[in-house]
Amino acid sequence: QVQLVESGGDSVQAGGSLRLYCAYTPSWSCMGWFRQAPGRGREEVARIIKYDRTTYADSVKGRFTISQDNAENIVYLQMNSLKPEDTAMYYCAAEPAGVYCTPWRAFTYWGQGTQVTVSS
């Protein structure tokens, strides 16, 4: 049974950092982080394709890092130098092991979201 659990969202001041976690079982081939702010469309923030290929939205390059812990089946999103415009609900998404992932492939499984709020 597929399970996808996110955590790590919080309220921080601008310039601060947060680390989001996404645990996926049983195993995955690619995972991504998306965000959606009120009144705006969903935006792909970062993606990781096993084992080390990563992509980022231009708006977060140099500030956010997506990485994996193979032993724990967890994908992290380290967010530094946070800005008020980073405020959004952040969602983790995944494709199961065995699927051929590309930077453009749509994700099948989604988490419930974790809220990130950045105040100025």
C-alpha atoms as a PDB file:
ATOM      1  CA  GLN A   1       0.000   0.000   0.000  1.00  0.00           C
ATOM      2  CA  VAL A   2       1.362   3.401  -0.981  1.00  0.00           C
ATOM      3  CA  GLN A   3       1.898   5.820   1.849  1.00  0.00           C
ATOM      4  CA  LEU A   4       3.245   9.309   1.521  1.00  0.00           C
ATOM      5  CA  VAL A   5       3.668  11.444   4.647  1.00  0.00           C
ATOM      6  CA  GLU A   6       4.975  15.014   4.780  1.00  0.00           C
ATOM      7  CA  SER A   7       6.140  17.032   7.731  1.00  0.00           C
ATOM      8  CA  GLY A   8       8.293  20.011   8.650  1.00  0.00           C
ATOM      9  CA  GLY A   9       6.078  22.947   7.755  1.00  0.00           C
ATOM     10  CA  ASP A  10       6.139  25.886  10.139  1.00  0.00           C
ATOM     11  CA  SER A  11       6.022  29.666  10.467  1.00  0.00           C
ATOM     12  CA  VAL A  12       9.356  31.468  10.157  1.00  0.00           C
ATOM     13  CA  GLN A  13      10.657  34.952   9.543  1.00  0.00           C
ATOM     14  CA  ALA A  14      12.141  36.023   6.242  1.00  0.00           C
ATOM     15  CA  GLY A  15      15.723  34.872   5.900  1.00  0.00           C
ATOM     16  CA  GLY A  16      15.117  31.805   7.978  1.00  0.00           C
ATOM     17  CA  SER A  17      15.308  28.125   7.088  1.00  0.00           C
ATOM     18  CA  LEU A  18      13.055  25.095   7.182  1.00  0.00           C
ATOM     19  CA  ARG A  19      13.476  21.461   6.271  1.00  0.00           C
ATOM     20  CA  LEU A  20      10.545  19.532   4.874  1.00  0.00           C
ATOM     21  CA  TYR A  21      10.370  15.757   5.014  1.00  0.00           C
ATOM     22  CA  CYS A  22       8.530  13.302   2.817  1.00  0.00           C
ATOM     23  CA  ALA A  23       8.438   9.626   3.699  1.00  0.00           C
ATOM     24  CA  TYR A  24       7.258   7.254   1.001  1.00  0.00           C
ATOM     25  CA  THR A  25       6.586   3.536   1.089  1.00  0.00           C
ATOM     26  CA  PRO A  26       7.192   1.079  -0.366  1.00  0.00           C
ATOM     27  CA  SER A  27       9.836   2.646  -2.663  1.00  0.00           C
ATOM     28  CA  TRP A  28      10.019   5.322  -5.316  1.00  0.00           C
ATOM     29  CA  SER A  29      11.647   6.213  -8.617  1.00  0.00           C
ATOM     30  CA  CYS A  30      11.185   9.983  -8.498  1.00  0.00           C
ATOM     31  CA  MET A  31       9.736  12.436  -6.022  1.00  0.00           C
ATOM     32  CA  GLY A  32       8.860  16.067  -6.133  1.00  0.00           C
ATOM     33  CA  TRP A  33       7.857  19.006  -4.019  1.00  0.00           C
ATOM     34  CA  PHE A  34       5.115  21.350  -5.189  1.00  0.00           C
ATOM     35  CA  ARG A  35       3.538  24.392  -3.602  1.00  0.00           C
ATOM     36  CA  GLN A  36       0.319  26.316  -3.906  1.00  0.00           C
ATOM     37  CA  ALA A  37      -0.373  29.723  -2.447  1.00  0.00           C
ATOM     38  CA  PRO A  38      -3.921  31.038  -1.987  1.00  0.00           C
ATOM     39  CA  GLY A  39      -5.332  32.235  -5.279  1.00  0.00           C
ATOM     40  CA  ARG A  40      -2.437  30.830  -7.285  1.00  0.00           C
ATOM     41  CA  GLY A  41      -1.800  27.730  -9.314  1.00  0.00           C
ATOM     42  CA  ARG A  42       0.305  24.795  -8.217  1.00  0.00           C
ATOM     43  CA  GLU A  43       4.021  25.215  -8.862  1.00  0.00           C
ATOM     44  CA  GLU A  44       6.640  22.499  -9.032  1.00  0.00           C
ATOM     45  CA  VAL A  45       9.445  23.509  -6.698  1.00  0.00           C
ATOM     46  CA  ALA A  46      11.927  20.666  -7.006  1.00  0.00           C
ATOM     47  CA  ARG A  47      12.215  17.120  -8.261  1.00  0.00           C
ATOM     48  CA  ILE A  48      14.631  14.285  -7.645  1.00  0.00           C
ATOM     49  CA  ILE A  49      15.013  11.264  -9.896  1.00  0.00           C
ATOM     50  CA  LYS A  50      16.822   8.303  -8.423  1.00  0.00           C
ATOM     51  CA  TYR A  51      19.484   8.587  -7.595  1.00  0.00           C
ATOM     52  CA  ASP A  52      20.921  12.063  -8.003  1.00  0.00           C
ATOM     53  CA  ARG A  53      19.274  13.926 -10.847  1.00  0.00           C
ATOM     54  CA  THR A  54      17.548  17.046  -9.547  1.00  0.00           C
ATOM     55  CA  THR A  55      15.596  19.930 -11.037  1.00  0.00           C
ATOM     56  CA  TYR A  56      14.480  23.212  -9.472  1.00  0.00           C
ATOM     57  CA  ALA A  57      12.130  26.063 -10.216  1.00  0.00           C
ATOM     58  CA  ASP A  58      14.013  29.238 -11.092  1.00  0.00           C
ATOM     59  CA  SER A  59      12.413  30.968  -8.116  1.00  0.00           C
ATOM     60  CA  VAL A  60      14.155  28.644  -5.636  1.00  0.00           C
ATOM     61  CA  LYS A  61      17.474  27.860  -7.301  1.00  0.00           C
ATOM     62  CA  GLY A  62      20.363  28.492  -4.962  1.00  0.00           C
ATOM     63  CA  ARG A  63      18.071  28.570  -1.922  1.00  0.00           C
ATOM     64  CA  PHE A  64      16.341  25.176  -1.850  1.00  0.00           C
ATOM     65  CA  THR A  65      17.941  21.731  -1.994  1.00  0.00           C
ATOM     66  CA  ILE A  66      16.174  18.426  -2.546  1.00  0.00           C
ATOM     67  CA  SER A  67      17.941  15.305  -1.320  1.00  0.00           C
ATOM     68  CA  GLN A  68      17.255  11.710  -0.329  1.00  0.00           C
ATOM     69  CA  ASP A  69      17.962   9.246   2.434  1.00  0.00           C
ATOM     70  CA  ASN A  70      17.890   5.861   0.776  1.00  0.00           C
ATOM     71  CA  ALA A  71      18.007   3.947   4.023  1.00  0.00           C
ATOM     72  CA  GLU A  72      14.922   5.655   5.382  1.00  0.00           C
ATOM     73  CA  ASN A  73      13.065   6.211   2.096  1.00  0.00           C
ATOM     74  CA  ILE A  74      12.791   9.903   2.898  1.00  0.00           C
ATOM     75  CA  VAL A  75      13.199  12.870   0.617  1.00  0.00           C
ATOM     76  CA  TYR A  76      14.078  16.227   2.119  1.00  0.00           C
ATOM     77  CA  LEU A  77      13.553  19.777   0.938  1.00  0.00           C
ATOM     78  CA  GLN A  78      16.003  22.109   2.650  1.00  0.00           C
ATOM     79  CA  MET A  79      14.770  25.667   2.308  1.00  0.00           C
ATOM     80  CA  ASN A  80      17.149  28.520   3.109  1.00  0.00           C
ATOM     81  CA  SER A  81      16.879  32.300   2.779  1.00  0.00           C
ATOM     82  CA  LEU A  82      13.113  32.043   2.883  1.00  0.00           C
ATOM     83  CA  LYS A  83      11.051  34.900   1.502  1.00  0.00           C
ATOM     84  CA  PRO A  84       7.430  35.903   2.151  1.00  0.00           C
ATOM     85  CA  GLU A  85       6.623  34.802  -1.398  1.00  0.00           C
ATOM     86  CA  ASP A  86       7.608  31.251  -0.416  1.00  0.00           C
ATOM     87  CA  THR A  87       4.497  31.124   1.758  1.00  0.00           C
ATOM     88  CA  ALA A  88       2.312  28.282   0.520  1.00  0.00           C
ATOM     89  CA  MET A  89       1.035  24.807   1.173  1.00  0.00           C
ATOM     90  CA  TYR A  90       3.806  22.428   0.169  1.00  0.00           C
ATOM     91  CA  TYR A  91       2.962  19.013  -1.237  1.00  0.00           C
ATOM     92  CA  CYS A  92       5.118  15.971  -1.775  1.00  0.00           C
ATOM     93  CA  ALA A  93       4.488  13.745  -4.773  1.00  0.00           C
ATOM     94  CA  ALA A  94       5.944  10.442  -5.890  1.00  0.00           C
ATOM     95  CA  GLU A  95       6.140   7.856  -8.596  1.00  0.00           C
ATOM     96  CA  PRO A  96       6.642   4.226  -7.547  1.00  0.00           C
ATOM     97  CA  ALA A  97       9.749   2.193  -8.181  1.00  0.00           C
ATOM     98  CA  GLY A  98       9.954   0.773 -11.654  1.00  0.00           C
ATOM     99  CA  VAL A  99       8.456   3.805 -13.352  1.00  0.00           C
ATOM    100  CA  TYR A 100      10.642   5.633 -15.853  1.00  0.00           C
ATOM    101  CA  CYS A 101      10.861   9.203 -14.587  1.00  0.00           C
ATOM    102  CA  THR A 102      11.670  12.306 -16.559  1.00  0.00           C
ATOM    103  CA  PRO A 103      11.734  15.950 -15.454  1.00  0.00           C
ATOM    104  CA  TRP A 104       8.305  16.333 -17.046  1.00  0.00           C
ATOM    105  CA  ARG A 105       6.475  13.222 -15.880  1.00  0.00           C
ATOM    106  CA  ALA A 106       3.275  13.841 -13.930  1.00  0.00           C
ATOM    107  CA  PHE A 107       3.145  12.342 -10.453  1.00  0.00           C
ATOM    108  CA  THR A 108       0.633   9.708  -9.414  1.00  0.00           C
ATOM    109  CA  TYR A 109       0.738   9.858  -5.627  1.00  0.00           C
ATOM    110  CA  TRP A 110       0.340  12.960  -3.516  1.00  0.00           C
ATOM    111  CA  GLY A 111       0.591  13.865   0.139  1.00  0.00           C
ATOM    112  CA  GLN A 112      -1.810  15.972   2.168  1.00  0.00           C
ATOM    113  CA  GLY A 113       0.455  19.013   2.335  1.00  0.00           C
ATOM    114  CA  THR A 114       2.357  20.894   4.992  1.00  0.00           C
ATOM    115  CA  GLN A 115       2.005  24.652   5.500  1.00  0.00           C
ATOM    116  CA  VAL A 116       4.969  26.995   5.231  1.00  0.00           C
ATOM    117  CA  THR A 117       4.445  30.611   6.281  1.00  0.00           C
ATOM    118  CA  VAL A 118       7.203  33.208   5.945  1.00  0.00           C
ATOM    119  CA  SER A 119       6.662  36.591   7.577  1.00  0.00           C
ATOM    120  CA  SER A 120       8.500  39.773   6.668  1.00  0.00           C
END
